[in-house]
N, C-alpha and C. Protein backbone atom coordinates (compact mmCIF):
# COMPACT_ATOMS: atom_id res chain seq x y z
N MET A 1 33.80 7.64 22.37
CA MET A 1 34.38 8.31 21.65
C MET A 1 33.83 8.39 19.64
N ILE A 2 33.97 9.46 19.43
CA ILE A 2 33.26 9.56 17.89
C ILE A 2 34.30 10.13 17.21
N HIS A 3 34.73 8.72 16.51
CA HIS A 3 36.04 9.31 15.07
C HIS A 3 35.46 9.80 14.15
N LYS A 4 35.79 10.72 13.07
CA LYS A 4 34.35 11.33 11.98
C LYS A 4 35.51 11.60 11.38
N ASN A 5 35.22 10.02 9.90
CA ASN A 5 35.73 10.00 8.86
C ASN A 5 34.98 10.84 7.75
N THR A 6 35.42 10.54 6.21
CA THR A 6 34.58 11.24 5.48
C THR A 6 33.12 11.34 5.47
N SER A 7 32.67 9.70 5.35
CA SER A 7 31.15 10.29 5.31
C SER A 7 31.00 8.71 6.66
N ILE A 8 31.31 8.57 7.21
CA ILE A 8 30.71 7.48 8.38
C ILE A 8 31.50 7.74 10.04
N GLU A 9 30.48 7.66 10.86
CA GLU A 9 30.35 8.35 12.03
C GLU A 9 31.15 6.91 12.70
N LYS A 10 31.79 6.89 13.39
CA LYS A 10 32.54 5.15 14.07
C LYS A 10 31.95 5.21 15.22
N VAL A 11 31.54 4.86 16.30
CA VAL A 11 31.20 5.44 17.86
C VAL A 11 31.89 3.82 18.19
N GLU A 12 32.53 4.28 19.53
CA GLU A 12 32.68 3.07 20.04
C GLU A 12 32.13 2.19 21.61
N PHE A 13 31.56 1.18 21.79
CA PHE A 13 30.82 0.82 22.24
C PHE A 13 31.49 -0.17 23.01
N SER A 14 30.89 -0.81 24.39
CA SER A 14 30.85 -2.57 24.53
C SER A 14 30.48 -3.04 24.06
N ARG A 15 30.58 -4.42 24.38
CA ARG A 15 29.80 -5.32 23.73
C ARG A 15 28.01 -5.33 24.51
N GLN A 16 28.22 -4.83 25.48
CA GLN A 16 26.87 -4.90 26.52
C GLN A 16 25.52 -3.66 25.67
N TYR A 17 25.97 -3.09 24.80
CA TYR A 17 25.52 -1.84 24.74
C TYR A 17 24.83 -2.17 23.31
N TYR A 18 25.44 -3.02 22.36
CA TYR A 18 25.39 -3.65 21.36
C TYR A 18 24.64 -4.38 21.04
N LEU A 19 24.32 -5.17 21.83
CA LEU A 19 23.74 -6.29 21.45
C LEU A 19 22.37 -6.07 21.36
N PRO A 20 20.87 -5.29 22.24
CA PRO A 20 19.95 -5.46 22.14
C PRO A 20 20.08 -4.60 20.52
N TRP A 21 20.70 -3.58 20.15
CA TRP A 21 20.66 -3.46 18.98
C TRP A 21 20.87 -4.13 17.48
N HIS A 22 21.34 -5.48 18.20
CA HIS A 22 21.77 -6.52 16.61
C HIS A 22 20.43 -6.99 15.62
N LYS A 23 19.20 -6.40 16.28
CA LYS A 23 18.52 -7.17 15.41
C LYS A 23 17.81 -6.03 14.46
N CYS A 24 17.47 -4.47 14.93
CA CYS A 24 17.62 -3.71 14.16
C CYS A 24 18.23 -2.69 13.28
N CYS A 25 19.11 -3.07 13.14
CA CYS A 25 20.80 -2.65 12.26
C CYS A 25 21.99 -3.47 12.40
N GLN A 26 22.45 -3.05 11.02
CA GLN A 26 23.80 -3.96 10.97
C GLN A 26 25.07 -3.52 11.65
N ILE A 27 25.58 -4.69 12.32
CA ILE A 27 26.10 -4.48 13.03
C ILE A 27 27.83 -5.40 12.31
N SER A 28 28.81 -4.35 11.94
CA SER A 28 30.45 -4.79 11.50
C SER A 28 31.60 -4.28 12.49
N GLU A 29 31.87 -5.61 13.10
CA GLU A 29 33.09 -5.28 14.41
C GLU A 29 34.41 -5.24 13.38
N GLN A 30 34.99 -3.59 13.84
CA GLN A 30 36.64 -4.03 13.27
C GLN A 30 37.14 -3.85 14.38
N ILE A 31 38.39 -3.88 15.06
CA ILE A 31 39.74 -4.01 15.44
C ILE A 31 39.25 -2.43 16.63
N GLY A 32 38.42 -3.38 17.63
CA GLY A 32 38.33 -2.16 18.61
C GLY A 32 36.80 -1.24 18.26
N VAL A 33 36.34 -0.88 17.14
CA VAL A 33 35.73 -0.05 16.73
C VAL A 33 34.51 -0.71 16.20
N ILE A 34 33.30 -0.77 16.13
CA ILE A 34 32.01 -1.00 15.87
C ILE A 34 31.28 -0.18 15.48
N THR A 35 30.88 -0.63 14.02
CA THR A 35 30.28 0.41 12.74
C THR A 35 28.94 0.11 12.92
N ILE A 36 27.75 1.20 13.24
CA ILE A 36 26.54 0.88 13.02
C ILE A 36 26.09 1.33 11.74
N GLU A 37 25.00 0.35 10.85
CA GLU A 37 24.28 1.32 10.09
C GLU A 37 23.23 0.99 9.93
N VAL A 38 22.19 2.03 10.04
CA VAL A 38 20.33 2.08 10.35
C VAL A 38 19.76 2.04 8.71
N LYS A 39 19.20 1.04 8.17
CA LYS A 39 18.79 1.31 6.98
C LYS A 39 17.69 2.76 7.21
N ILE A 40 17.73 3.48 6.42
CA ILE A 40 16.44 4.21 6.14
C ILE A 40 16.05 4.76 4.96
N PRO A 41 14.34 4.15 4.97
CA PRO A 41 13.27 3.95 3.45
C PRO A 41 14.07 5.46 2.30
N LYS A 42 14.41 5.31 1.23
CA LYS A 42 14.15 6.24 0.63
C LYS A 42 13.42 7.06 1.09
N GLU A 43 11.57 7.00 0.42
CA GLU A 43 10.28 7.37 0.43
C GLU A 43 10.09 7.35 1.41
N VAL A 44 9.97 8.42 2.73
CA VAL A 44 9.78 7.99 3.53
C VAL A 44 8.45 8.08 3.73
N ARG A 45 7.21 8.45 3.29
CA ARG A 45 5.57 8.35 2.70
C ARG A 45 5.17 6.71 2.63
N ALA A 46 6.78 6.38 1.84
CA ALA A 46 6.13 4.62 1.37
C ALA A 46 6.04 4.20 2.99
N TYR A 47 6.77 4.80 4.27
CA TYR A 47 6.55 3.22 5.28
C TYR A 47 5.45 2.72 6.16
N LYS A 48 5.73 2.16 6.09
CA LYS A 48 4.15 1.32 6.65
C LYS A 48 4.06 0.66 7.60
N GLU A 49 3.89 1.07 8.94
CA GLU A 49 3.95 0.38 10.11
C GLU A 49 3.27 -1.23 10.31
N THR A 50 3.76 -1.52 10.94
CA THR A 50 3.52 -2.87 11.19
C THR A 50 3.12 -3.38 12.76
N ILE A 51 1.88 -4.14 12.62
CA ILE A 51 1.70 -4.64 14.43
C ILE A 51 1.56 -5.92 14.85
N PHE A 52 1.58 -6.70 13.87
CA PHE A 52 1.19 -8.35 14.22
C PHE A 52 1.77 -9.07 12.76
N PHE A 53 3.20 -9.77 13.14
CA PHE A 53 3.15 -10.50 12.10
C PHE A 53 3.52 -10.15 10.90
N GLY A 54 4.43 -8.63 10.92
CA GLY A 54 5.00 -8.33 10.01
C GLY A 54 3.84 -7.55 9.12
N LEU A 55 2.13 -7.82 9.64
CA LEU A 55 1.06 -6.95 8.83
C LEU A 55 0.34 -5.57 9.16
N SER A 56 0.23 -4.92 8.30
CA SER A 56 -0.59 -3.81 8.74
C SER A 56 -0.98 -3.92 9.41
N SER A 57 -2.15 -2.81 10.18
CA SER A 57 -3.54 -2.90 10.88
C SER A 57 -4.21 -3.51 9.77
N ARG A 58 -4.54 -3.00 8.51
CA ARG A 58 -5.51 -3.15 7.32
C ARG A 58 -4.82 -4.54 7.03
N GLN A 59 -4.03 -4.85 6.99
CA GLN A 59 -4.35 -6.48 6.67
C GLN A 59 -4.03 -7.50 7.89
N PHE A 60 -4.10 -6.85 9.09
CA PHE A 60 -4.76 -8.16 9.72
C PHE A 60 -5.92 -8.30 9.74
N ILE A 61 -6.59 -6.78 9.72
CA ILE A 61 -7.93 -6.56 10.43
C ILE A 61 -8.60 -7.71 9.28
N CYS A 62 -8.16 -7.82 7.46
CA CYS A 62 -8.34 -8.16 6.50
C CYS A 62 -8.92 -9.59 6.48
N SER A 63 -7.46 -10.00 7.46
CA SER A 63 -6.99 -11.76 7.42
C SER A 63 -7.98 -11.91 8.49
N LEU A 64 -8.23 -11.39 9.46
CA LEU A 64 -9.35 -12.33 10.20
C LEU A 64 -10.53 -12.07 9.99
N ILE A 65 -11.47 -10.88 9.05
CA ILE A 65 -12.10 -11.03 8.36
C ILE A 65 -12.30 -12.13 7.49
N ALA A 66 -11.20 -12.53 6.75
CA ALA A 66 -11.53 -13.60 5.69
C ALA A 66 -11.49 -14.94 6.16
N ILE A 67 -10.52 -15.50 7.54
CA ILE A 67 -10.21 -15.95 7.91
C ILE A 67 -11.81 -16.27 9.04
N GLY A 68 -12.91 -15.53 9.61
CA GLY A 68 -13.85 -15.77 10.05
C GLY A 68 -14.90 -16.06 8.82
N ILE A 69 -14.70 -15.68 7.89
CA ILE A 69 -15.71 -15.61 6.69
C ILE A 69 -15.47 -17.09 5.94
N ALA A 70 -14.11 -17.47 5.88
CA ALA A 70 -14.23 -18.86 5.29
C ALA A 70 -14.46 -19.91 6.71
N ALA A 71 -14.49 -19.98 7.85
CA ALA A 71 -14.56 -20.50 9.51
C ALA A 71 -16.21 -20.66 9.19
N GLY A 72 -16.86 -19.64 8.89
CA GLY A 72 -18.01 -19.62 9.15
C GLY A 72 -19.05 -20.10 7.95
N VAL A 73 -18.59 -20.20 6.12
CA VAL A 73 -18.74 -20.91 5.27
C VAL A 73 -18.91 -22.17 5.66
N PHE A 74 -17.57 -22.20 5.70
CA PHE A 74 -16.87 -24.23 6.04
C PHE A 74 -18.06 -24.68 7.00
N LEU A 75 -18.44 -24.26 8.16
CA LEU A 75 -19.03 -24.56 9.43
C LEU A 75 -20.92 -24.83 8.48
N VAL A 76 -20.90 -24.04 8.33
CA VAL A 76 -22.83 -24.10 7.61
C VAL A 76 -22.60 -25.17 6.40
N LEU A 77 -21.84 -24.84 5.84
CA LEU A 77 -21.62 -25.68 3.99
C LEU A 77 -21.53 -26.84 4.90
N ASP A 78 -20.99 -27.89 5.55
CA ASP A 78 -20.02 -28.52 5.53
C ASP A 78 -21.30 -30.08 5.47
N ARG A 79 -22.12 -29.32 6.49
CA ARG A 79 -24.08 -30.15 6.45
C ARG A 79 -24.49 -30.77 5.23
N PHE A 80 -24.05 -29.89 4.47
CA PHE A 80 -25.54 -29.90 3.04
C PHE A 80 -24.86 -30.28 1.76
N VAL A 81 -22.75 -30.12 1.63
CA VAL A 81 -22.27 -30.02 0.48
C VAL A 81 -21.63 -30.87 1.14
N SER A 82 -20.10 -31.57 0.24
CA SER A 82 -18.96 -32.60 0.55
C SER A 82 -17.82 -31.51 1.34
N ARG A 83 -17.04 -32.13 1.92
CA ARG A 83 -16.48 -30.68 2.17
C ARG A 83 -15.47 -30.10 0.97
N GLU A 84 -14.35 -30.91 0.31
CA GLU A 84 -14.19 -30.54 -1.04
C GLU A 84 -14.88 -28.97 -1.42
N THR A 85 -15.83 -28.93 -1.75
CA THR A 85 -16.55 -28.53 -2.34
C THR A 85 -17.14 -27.48 -1.26
N ALA A 86 -17.34 -27.63 -0.11
CA ALA A 86 -17.62 -26.46 0.68
C ALA A 86 -15.79 -25.57 1.24
N SER A 87 -15.02 -26.41 1.02
CA SER A 87 -13.20 -25.86 1.16
C SER A 87 -13.42 -25.16 -0.33
N TRP A 88 -14.09 -25.64 -1.26
CA TRP A 88 -13.82 -24.19 -2.50
C TRP A 88 -14.91 -23.49 -2.70
N LEU A 89 -15.81 -23.13 -1.62
CA LEU A 89 -16.67 -22.48 -1.37
C LEU A 89 -15.56 -20.93 -0.78
N CYS A 90 -14.71 -21.49 0.64
CA CYS A 90 -15.00 -20.90 1.63
C CYS A 90 -13.61 -20.49 0.57
N ILE A 91 -12.76 -20.79 -0.16
CA ILE A 91 -11.50 -20.35 -0.75
C ILE A 91 -11.54 -18.73 -1.47
N VAL A 92 -13.48 -19.25 -2.53
CA VAL A 92 -13.73 -18.22 -2.76
C VAL A 92 -14.28 -16.82 -2.41
N LEU A 93 -14.84 -17.09 -0.85
CA LEU A 93 -16.05 -16.18 -1.07
C LEU A 93 -14.93 -15.65 0.39
N ALA A 94 -13.86 -16.38 1.05
CA ALA A 94 -12.84 -15.10 1.63
C ALA A 94 -11.43 -14.60 1.24
N SER A 95 -11.61 -14.79 -0.07
CA SER A 95 -10.24 -14.64 -0.80
C SER A 95 -10.92 -12.57 -1.30
N PRO A 96 -12.37 -11.74 -1.48
CA PRO A 96 -12.20 -11.03 -1.67
C PRO A 96 -11.88 -10.21 -0.64
N ALA A 97 -12.32 -10.71 1.14
CA ALA A 97 -11.94 -10.32 2.10
C ALA A 97 -10.51 -9.74 2.08
N ALA A 98 -9.30 -10.48 1.66
CA ALA A 98 -8.22 -10.89 1.62
C ALA A 98 -7.64 -10.50 0.83
N VAL A 99 -7.93 -9.94 -0.09
CA VAL A 99 -7.49 -9.34 -1.18
C VAL A 99 -7.45 -7.45 -0.88
N ALA A 100 -8.17 -7.75 -0.13
CA ALA A 100 -9.13 -6.00 0.24
C ALA A 100 -7.97 -5.41 1.58
N GLY A 101 -7.36 -6.64 1.85
CA GLY A 101 -6.33 -5.84 3.13
C GLY A 101 -4.89 -5.56 2.28
N PHE A 102 -4.11 -6.29 1.15
CA PHE A 102 -3.65 -6.72 0.52
C PHE A 102 -3.33 -5.56 -0.70
N PHE A 103 -4.08 -5.39 -1.20
CA PHE A 103 -4.19 -5.07 -3.37
C PHE A 103 -3.85 -3.29 -2.62
N SER A 104 -2.76 -3.45 -3.44
CA SER A 104 -2.82 -1.33 -3.56
C SER A 104 -2.29 -0.95 -5.46
N TYR A 105 -2.40 -0.33 -5.41
CA TYR A 105 -1.97 -0.23 -7.02
C TYR A 105 -2.06 1.50 -6.83
N ASN A 106 -1.40 2.15 -7.29
CA ASN A 106 -0.88 3.62 -7.70
C ASN A 106 -1.89 4.63 -6.32
N GLY A 107 -0.94 3.97 -4.92
CA GLY A 107 -1.16 4.01 -3.11
C GLY A 107 -3.01 4.14 -3.45
N MET A 108 -3.32 3.95 -3.75
CA MET A 108 -5.31 3.36 -3.78
C MET A 108 -5.21 2.14 -3.07
N CYS A 109 -5.89 2.03 -2.14
CA CYS A 109 -6.51 0.31 -1.73
C CYS A 109 -7.46 0.81 -2.24
N PHE A 110 -7.80 -1.25 -1.68
CA PHE A 110 -8.61 -1.59 -2.81
C PHE A 110 -10.41 -0.98 -3.55
N GLU A 111 -10.54 -0.31 -2.19
CA GLU A 111 -11.96 0.07 -2.51
C GLU A 111 -11.90 1.47 -3.20
N GLN A 112 -10.95 2.34 -3.18
CA GLN A 112 -10.62 3.67 -3.65
C GLN A 112 -10.72 2.97 -5.78
N PHE A 113 -9.86 2.19 -5.56
CA PHE A 113 -9.57 1.13 -7.14
C PHE A 113 -11.05 1.26 -7.81
N LEU A 114 -11.50 0.28 -6.54
CA LEU A 114 -13.19 -0.50 -7.07
C LEU A 114 -13.84 0.88 -7.61
N TRP A 115 -13.59 1.78 -6.91
CA TRP A 115 -14.28 2.73 -7.21
C TRP A 115 -13.84 3.55 -8.64
N ALA A 116 -12.73 4.18 -8.27
CA ALA A 116 -12.30 4.58 -9.85
C ALA A 116 -12.26 3.73 -10.90
N PHE A 117 -12.41 2.63 -10.89
CA PHE A 117 -12.62 1.81 -11.79
C PHE A 117 -13.94 1.58 -12.04
N ILE A 118 -15.40 1.65 -11.32
CA ILE A 118 -16.76 1.54 -11.84
C ILE A 118 -16.84 3.06 -12.54
N LYS A 119 -16.20 3.95 -11.45
CA LYS A 119 -16.99 5.54 -12.27
C LYS A 119 -15.93 5.55 -13.32
N SER A 120 -14.65 5.17 -13.48
CA SER A 120 -14.10 5.12 -14.92
C SER A 120 -15.05 4.43 -16.59
N GLU A 121 -15.11 3.21 -15.88
CA GLU A 121 -15.45 2.58 -17.62
C GLU A 121 -17.27 2.39 -17.12
N PHE A 122 -17.96 2.57 -16.08
CA PHE A 122 -19.32 2.73 -16.49
C PHE A 122 -20.28 4.15 -16.36
N LEU A 123 -19.84 4.83 -14.41
CA LEU A 123 -21.02 5.85 -14.84
C LEU A 123 -20.42 6.94 -15.52
N CYS A 124 -18.74 7.28 -15.73
CA CYS A 124 -18.50 8.17 -16.61
C CYS A 124 -18.03 7.52 -17.95
N ALA A 125 -18.76 6.60 -18.58
CA ALA A 125 -18.13 5.93 -19.61
C ALA A 125 -18.51 6.67 -20.92
N GLY A 126 -17.96 6.43 -22.10
CA GLY A 126 -18.47 7.64 -23.05
C GLY A 126 -17.29 8.26 -24.01
N GLU A 127 -18.05 8.69 -25.13
CA GLU A 127 -16.75 9.29 -25.60
C GLU A 127 -17.09 10.97 -25.23
N ARG A 128 -15.27 11.12 -24.76
CA ARG A 128 -15.82 12.62 -24.22
C ARG A 128 -14.96 13.77 -25.45
N ARG A 129 -15.86 14.44 -25.60
CA ARG A 129 -15.10 15.71 -26.93
C ARG A 129 -14.57 17.25 -25.77
N TYR A 130 -13.73 17.63 -26.46
CA TYR A 130 -12.95 18.70 -25.68
C TYR A 130 -13.42 19.58 -26.58
N ILE A 131 -14.78 20.61 -26.05
CA ILE A 131 -14.64 21.69 -26.99
C ILE A 131 -14.56 23.58 -26.07
N SER A 132 -13.08 23.95 -26.90
CA SER A 132 -12.46 25.02 -26.67
C SER A 132 -13.49 26.51 -26.53
N GLU A 133 -13.68 27.07 -25.83
CA GLU A 133 -14.61 28.47 -25.57
C GLU A 133 -13.36 29.03 -25.46
N ASN A 134 -13.39 30.64 -26.06
CA ASN A 134 -12.50 31.48 -26.61
C ASN A 134 -13.26 32.65 -25.54
N ILE A 135 -12.68 32.58 -24.06
CA ILE A 135 -12.75 33.59 -23.35
C ILE A 135 -12.85 35.50 -23.82
N TYR A 136 -11.43 35.63 -24.47
CA TYR A 136 -11.41 36.81 -25.06
C TYR A 136 -13.25 36.99 -26.24
N TYR A 137 -13.93 36.28 -27.19
CA TYR A 137 -14.65 36.68 -28.08
C TYR A 137 -15.93 36.59 -27.37
N SER A 138 -15.70 35.55 -25.86
CA SER A 138 -17.52 35.83 -25.25
C SER A 138 -17.14 37.65 -24.30
N CYS A 139 -16.19 37.79 -24.05
CA CYS A 139 -16.19 38.99 -23.00
C CYS A 139 -16.17 40.31 -24.18
N LEU A 140 -15.99 40.08 -25.60
CA LEU A 140 -16.20 41.03 -26.44
C LEU A 140 -17.24 41.00 -27.04
N ASN A 141 -17.72 39.60 -26.85
CA ASN A 141 -19.65 39.99 -26.96
C ASN A 141 -19.17 39.79 -29.08
N ARG A 142 -18.33 38.57 -29.57
CA ARG A 142 -18.26 38.87 -30.95
C ARG A 142 -18.53 37.47 -31.05
N LYS A 143 -18.97 37.50 -32.59
CA LYS A 143 -19.02 36.10 -33.04
C LYS A 143 -18.05 34.65 -33.33
N GLY A 144 -17.53 35.92 -33.98
CA GLY A 144 -15.88 34.84 -34.65
C GLY A 144 -15.23 35.73 -35.32
N ARG A 145 -14.36 34.40 -36.19
CA ARG A 145 -13.08 34.94 -36.48
C ARG A 145 -13.41 36.41 -37.73
N GLU A 146 -14.86 36.69 -38.30
CA GLU A 146 -15.16 37.61 -39.29
C GLU A 146 -14.74 38.58 -38.60
N ASP A 147 -14.47 39.17 -37.31
CA ASP A 147 -14.33 40.14 -37.05
C ASP A 147 -12.98 40.61 -36.32
N PHE A 148 -11.98 40.29 -37.54
CA PHE A 148 -10.78 40.11 -37.73
C PHE A 148 -10.32 39.71 -38.97
N ASP A 149 -8.98 41.10 -38.95
CA ASP A 149 -8.46 39.88 -40.00
C ASP A 149 -7.61 39.16 -40.40
């Protein structure tokens, strides 16, 4: 049975029905009535699907790559340098892969941000001048202000 108030729908359930939903919804039980509140994000486009351990697929794959890099570096360098040095090199060499998975700036992932930074700071760097062109003058084949009063 559904009771409609001004802003809340109240639905009566027996205990067996609301127990499976207990983890995904907030449930408050009143006398004979259970109110279920489902949280919906304000911005739907900000929703990120998670696959393992609360990580998105990008974060999970980058974490696996970082773990693989760290393990490989440690196993190779452990014979040649001390364990402390090898562990610091593991951290330094695996951190870019880990950062690539979790980094987000203005909706850009790490690769997009890195390309935008390189493009703005190095490739297209320099003084930019705004030179306007009067289309009216060019259409009439006139040279400048001297033609007008």
